[in-house]
Amino acid sequence: MVRTQISLSEQEYDAAKREAARLGISLAELLRRSLRPLLPVDESKPWMAYAGFVESGDPKASRRIDDVVYGHKD
């Protein structure tokens, strides 16, 4: 993962945080999901077009995405 920084207005930030909370995901995951439809699919990995459409069976899985991606924080 590459870390990056963006600037949002206070209203955009607050609205994004509320939406992430409503979905049960982190702000980072909300922003990643927002970008994916805008980015071209890597033709060498056509299955990536379906990334995020698989269900784990865990209804709270989306709340733990950062733990899955970055590892558990102590």
N, C-alpha and C. Protein backbone atom coordinates (compact mmCIF):
# COMPACT_ATOMS: atom_id res chain seq x y z
N MET A 1 0.84 -1.19 0.00
CA MET A 1 0.00 0.00 0.00
C MET A 1 0.88 1.24 0.00
N VAL A 2 0.44 2.23 -0.71
CA VAL A 2 1.09 3.53 -0.73
C VAL A 2 0.20 4.49 0.04
N ARG A 3 0.77 5.20 0.96
CA ARG A 3 -0.01 6.20 1.70
C ARG A 3 -0.01 7.50 0.92
N THR A 4 -1.14 8.22 0.98
CA THR A 4 -1.24 9.49 0.31
C THR A 4 -2.05 10.44 1.18
N GLN A 5 -2.02 11.68 0.82
CA GLN A 5 -2.74 12.70 1.58
C GLN A 5 -3.62 13.47 0.61
N ILE A 6 -4.85 13.76 1.04
CA ILE A 6 -5.75 14.57 0.23
C ILE A 6 -6.32 15.69 1.10
N SER A 7 -6.81 16.72 0.45
CA SER A 7 -7.45 17.82 1.17
C SER A 7 -8.93 17.81 0.84
N LEU A 8 -9.75 17.89 1.88
CA LEU A 8 -11.19 17.96 1.74
C LEU A 8 -11.69 19.16 2.52
N SER A 9 -12.80 19.71 2.09
CA SER A 9 -13.42 20.75 2.90
C SER A 9 -13.95 20.08 4.17
N GLU A 10 -14.21 20.85 5.17
CA GLU A 10 -14.73 20.30 6.42
C GLU A 10 -16.06 19.58 6.17
N GLN A 11 -16.89 20.16 5.29
CA GLN A 11 -18.18 19.55 4.97
C GLN A 11 -17.99 18.21 4.24
N GLU A 12 -17.05 18.16 3.30
CA GLU A 12 -16.79 16.91 2.58
C GLU A 12 -16.27 15.84 3.54
N TYR A 13 -15.35 16.23 4.41
CA TYR A 13 -14.78 15.29 5.37
C TYR A 13 -15.87 14.74 6.30
N ASP A 14 -16.68 15.63 6.85
CA ASP A 14 -17.74 15.21 7.77
C ASP A 14 -18.73 14.28 7.07
N ALA A 15 -19.12 14.64 5.84
CA ALA A 15 -20.07 13.81 5.09
C ALA A 15 -19.46 12.44 4.77
N ALA A 16 -18.19 12.42 4.39
CA ALA A 16 -17.52 11.16 4.07
C ALA A 16 -17.39 10.28 5.32
N LYS A 17 -17.06 10.87 6.45
CA LYS A 17 -16.97 10.11 7.71
C LYS A 17 -18.32 9.52 8.08
N ARG A 18 -19.38 10.29 7.92
CA ARG A 18 -20.73 9.79 8.23
C ARG A 18 -21.10 8.62 7.32
N GLU A 19 -20.78 8.77 6.02
CA GLU A 19 -21.11 7.69 5.08
C GLU A 19 -20.30 6.44 5.38
N ALA A 20 -19.04 6.59 5.69
CA ALA A 20 -18.21 5.43 6.06
C ALA A 20 -18.78 4.75 7.29
N ALA A 21 -19.17 5.53 8.29
CA ALA A 21 -19.75 4.96 9.51
C ALA A 21 -21.06 4.24 9.19
N ARG A 22 -21.87 4.84 8.32
CA ARG A 22 -23.13 4.22 7.94
C ARG A 22 -22.90 2.86 7.27
N LEU A 23 -21.85 2.78 6.46
CA LEU A 23 -21.53 1.53 5.77
C LEU A 23 -20.73 0.57 6.64
N GLY A 24 -20.24 1.05 7.78
CA GLY A 24 -19.44 0.20 8.66
C GLY A 24 -18.03 -0.03 8.14
N ILE A 25 -17.48 0.95 7.41
CA ILE A 25 -16.13 0.83 6.87
C ILE A 25 -15.31 2.05 7.27
N SER A 26 -14.01 1.98 7.04
CA SER A 26 -13.14 3.11 7.34
C SER A 26 -13.27 4.18 6.26
N LEU A 27 -12.85 5.38 6.58
CA LEU A 27 -12.82 6.46 5.59
C LEU A 27 -11.91 6.05 4.42
N ALA A 28 -10.78 5.44 4.72
CA ALA A 28 -9.85 5.00 3.66
C ALA A 28 -10.53 4.03 2.70
N GLU A 29 -11.30 3.08 3.24
CA GLU A 29 -11.98 2.11 2.39
C GLU A 29 -13.07 2.79 1.57
N LEU A 30 -13.77 3.75 2.15
CA LEU A 30 -14.78 4.50 1.39
C LEU A 30 -14.13 5.20 0.20
N LEU A 31 -12.98 5.82 0.41
CA LEU A 31 -12.29 6.53 -0.66
C LEU A 31 -11.77 5.55 -1.72
N ARG A 32 -11.24 4.39 -1.29
CA ARG A 32 -10.79 3.38 -2.26
C ARG A 32 -11.96 2.92 -3.12
N ARG A 33 -13.09 2.64 -2.49
CA ARG A 33 -14.26 2.19 -3.24
C ARG A 33 -14.76 3.27 -4.19
N SER A 34 -14.62 4.51 -3.79
CA SER A 34 -15.07 5.61 -4.65
C SER A 34 -14.19 5.75 -5.88
N LEU A 35 -12.90 5.44 -5.75
CA LEU A 35 -11.96 5.57 -6.86
C LEU A 35 -12.03 4.41 -7.85
N ARG A 36 -12.31 3.22 -7.37
CA ARG A 36 -12.23 2.03 -8.23
C ARG A 36 -13.00 2.13 -9.53
N PRO A 37 -14.24 2.64 -9.53
CA PRO A 37 -14.96 2.70 -10.81
C PRO A 37 -14.34 3.67 -11.82
N LEU A 38 -13.51 4.58 -11.35
CA LEU A 38 -12.90 5.57 -12.23
C LEU A 38 -11.59 5.11 -12.85
N LEU A 39 -11.00 4.05 -12.30
CA LEU A 39 -9.67 3.60 -12.72
C LEU A 39 -9.77 2.46 -13.72
N PRO A 40 -8.87 2.41 -14.70
CA PRO A 40 -8.90 1.30 -15.67
C PRO A 40 -8.52 -0.02 -15.00
N VAL A 41 -9.11 -1.09 -15.50
CA VAL A 41 -8.82 -2.43 -15.00
C VAL A 41 -7.50 -2.89 -15.60
N ASP A 42 -6.64 -3.50 -14.80
CA ASP A 42 -5.38 -4.07 -15.27
C ASP A 42 -5.72 -5.26 -16.18
N GLU A 43 -5.46 -5.12 -17.47
CA GLU A 43 -5.82 -6.15 -18.43
C GLU A 43 -5.12 -7.49 -18.16
N SER A 44 -3.98 -7.45 -17.45
CA SER A 44 -3.29 -8.70 -17.13
C SER A 44 -3.97 -9.43 -15.97
N LYS A 45 -4.90 -8.76 -15.29
CA LYS A 45 -5.63 -9.35 -14.17
C LYS A 45 -7.12 -9.06 -14.35
N PRO A 46 -7.76 -9.65 -15.34
CA PRO A 46 -9.16 -9.32 -15.62
C PRO A 46 -10.09 -9.62 -14.45
N TRP A 47 -9.72 -10.58 -13.60
CA TRP A 47 -10.56 -10.90 -12.44
C TRP A 47 -10.66 -9.74 -11.46
N MET A 48 -9.73 -8.75 -11.53
CA MET A 48 -9.77 -7.61 -10.61
C MET A 48 -11.02 -6.75 -10.83
N ALA A 49 -11.65 -6.87 -11.99
CA ALA A 49 -12.89 -6.13 -12.22
C ALA A 49 -13.98 -6.57 -11.25
N TYR A 50 -13.81 -7.76 -10.68
CA TYR A 50 -14.81 -8.30 -9.75
C TYR A 50 -14.36 -8.20 -8.29
N ALA A 51 -13.22 -7.62 -8.03
CA ALA A 51 -12.72 -7.49 -6.65
C ALA A 51 -13.75 -6.73 -5.82
N GLY A 52 -14.02 -7.25 -4.65
CA GLY A 52 -14.97 -6.60 -3.76
C GLY A 52 -16.38 -7.11 -3.89
N PHE A 53 -16.64 -8.01 -4.87
CA PHE A 53 -17.98 -8.53 -5.07
C PHE A 53 -18.18 -9.90 -4.42
N VAL A 54 -17.16 -10.42 -3.75
CA VAL A 54 -17.25 -11.73 -3.14
C VAL A 54 -17.66 -11.57 -1.68
N GLU A 55 -18.59 -12.38 -1.25
CA GLU A 55 -19.04 -12.31 0.14
C GLU A 55 -18.29 -13.33 0.97
N SER A 56 -17.88 -12.91 2.17
CA SER A 56 -17.14 -13.80 3.06
C SER A 56 -18.07 -14.60 3.95
N GLY A 57 -19.31 -14.16 4.08
CA GLY A 57 -20.21 -14.79 5.02
C GLY A 57 -20.18 -14.13 6.38
N ASP A 58 -19.17 -13.28 6.60
CA ASP A 58 -19.06 -12.54 7.86
C ASP A 58 -19.74 -11.19 7.66
N PRO A 59 -20.89 -10.96 8.32
CA PRO A 59 -21.60 -9.70 8.11
C PRO A 59 -20.84 -8.47 8.59
N LYS A 60 -19.80 -8.67 9.37
CA LYS A 60 -19.00 -7.54 9.87
C LYS A 60 -17.63 -7.45 9.19
N ALA A 61 -17.44 -8.18 8.11
CA ALA A 61 -16.13 -8.22 7.44
C ALA A 61 -15.69 -6.83 6.98
N SER A 62 -16.62 -6.03 6.49
CA SER A 62 -16.23 -4.71 5.98
C SER A 62 -15.72 -3.81 7.09
N ARG A 63 -16.06 -4.09 8.32
CA ARG A 63 -15.60 -3.28 9.45
C ARG A 63 -14.16 -3.61 9.82
N ARG A 64 -13.66 -4.73 9.30
CA ARG A 64 -12.31 -5.17 9.65
C ARG A 64 -11.35 -5.09 8.47
N ILE A 65 -11.73 -4.38 7.39
CA ILE A 65 -10.91 -4.37 6.18
C ILE A 65 -9.50 -3.85 6.44
N ASP A 66 -9.36 -2.84 7.28
CA ASP A 66 -8.02 -2.32 7.56
C ASP A 66 -7.18 -3.34 8.31
N ASP A 67 -7.80 -4.14 9.19
CA ASP A 67 -7.07 -5.20 9.88
C ASP A 67 -6.60 -6.24 8.86
N VAL A 68 -7.44 -6.54 7.90
CA VAL A 68 -7.08 -7.53 6.87
C VAL A 68 -5.94 -6.98 6.00
N VAL A 69 -6.04 -5.73 5.59
CA VAL A 69 -5.05 -5.14 4.70
C VAL A 69 -3.74 -4.83 5.42
N TYR A 70 -3.84 -4.20 6.59
CA TYR A 70 -2.64 -3.70 7.28
C TYR A 70 -2.20 -4.56 8.46
N GLY A 71 -3.03 -5.49 8.87
CA GLY A 71 -2.71 -6.29 10.04
C GLY A 71 -3.32 -5.68 11.30
N HIS A 72 -3.49 -6.50 12.32
CA HIS A 72 -4.12 -6.04 13.56
C HIS A 72 -3.21 -5.07 14.30
N LYS A 73 -3.79 -3.96 14.75
CA LYS A 73 -3.04 -2.99 15.54
C LYS A 73 -3.20 -3.32 17.01
N ASP A 74 -2.09 -3.39 17.72
CA ASP A 74 -2.15 -3.69 19.16
C ASP A 74 -2.42 -2.43 19.95
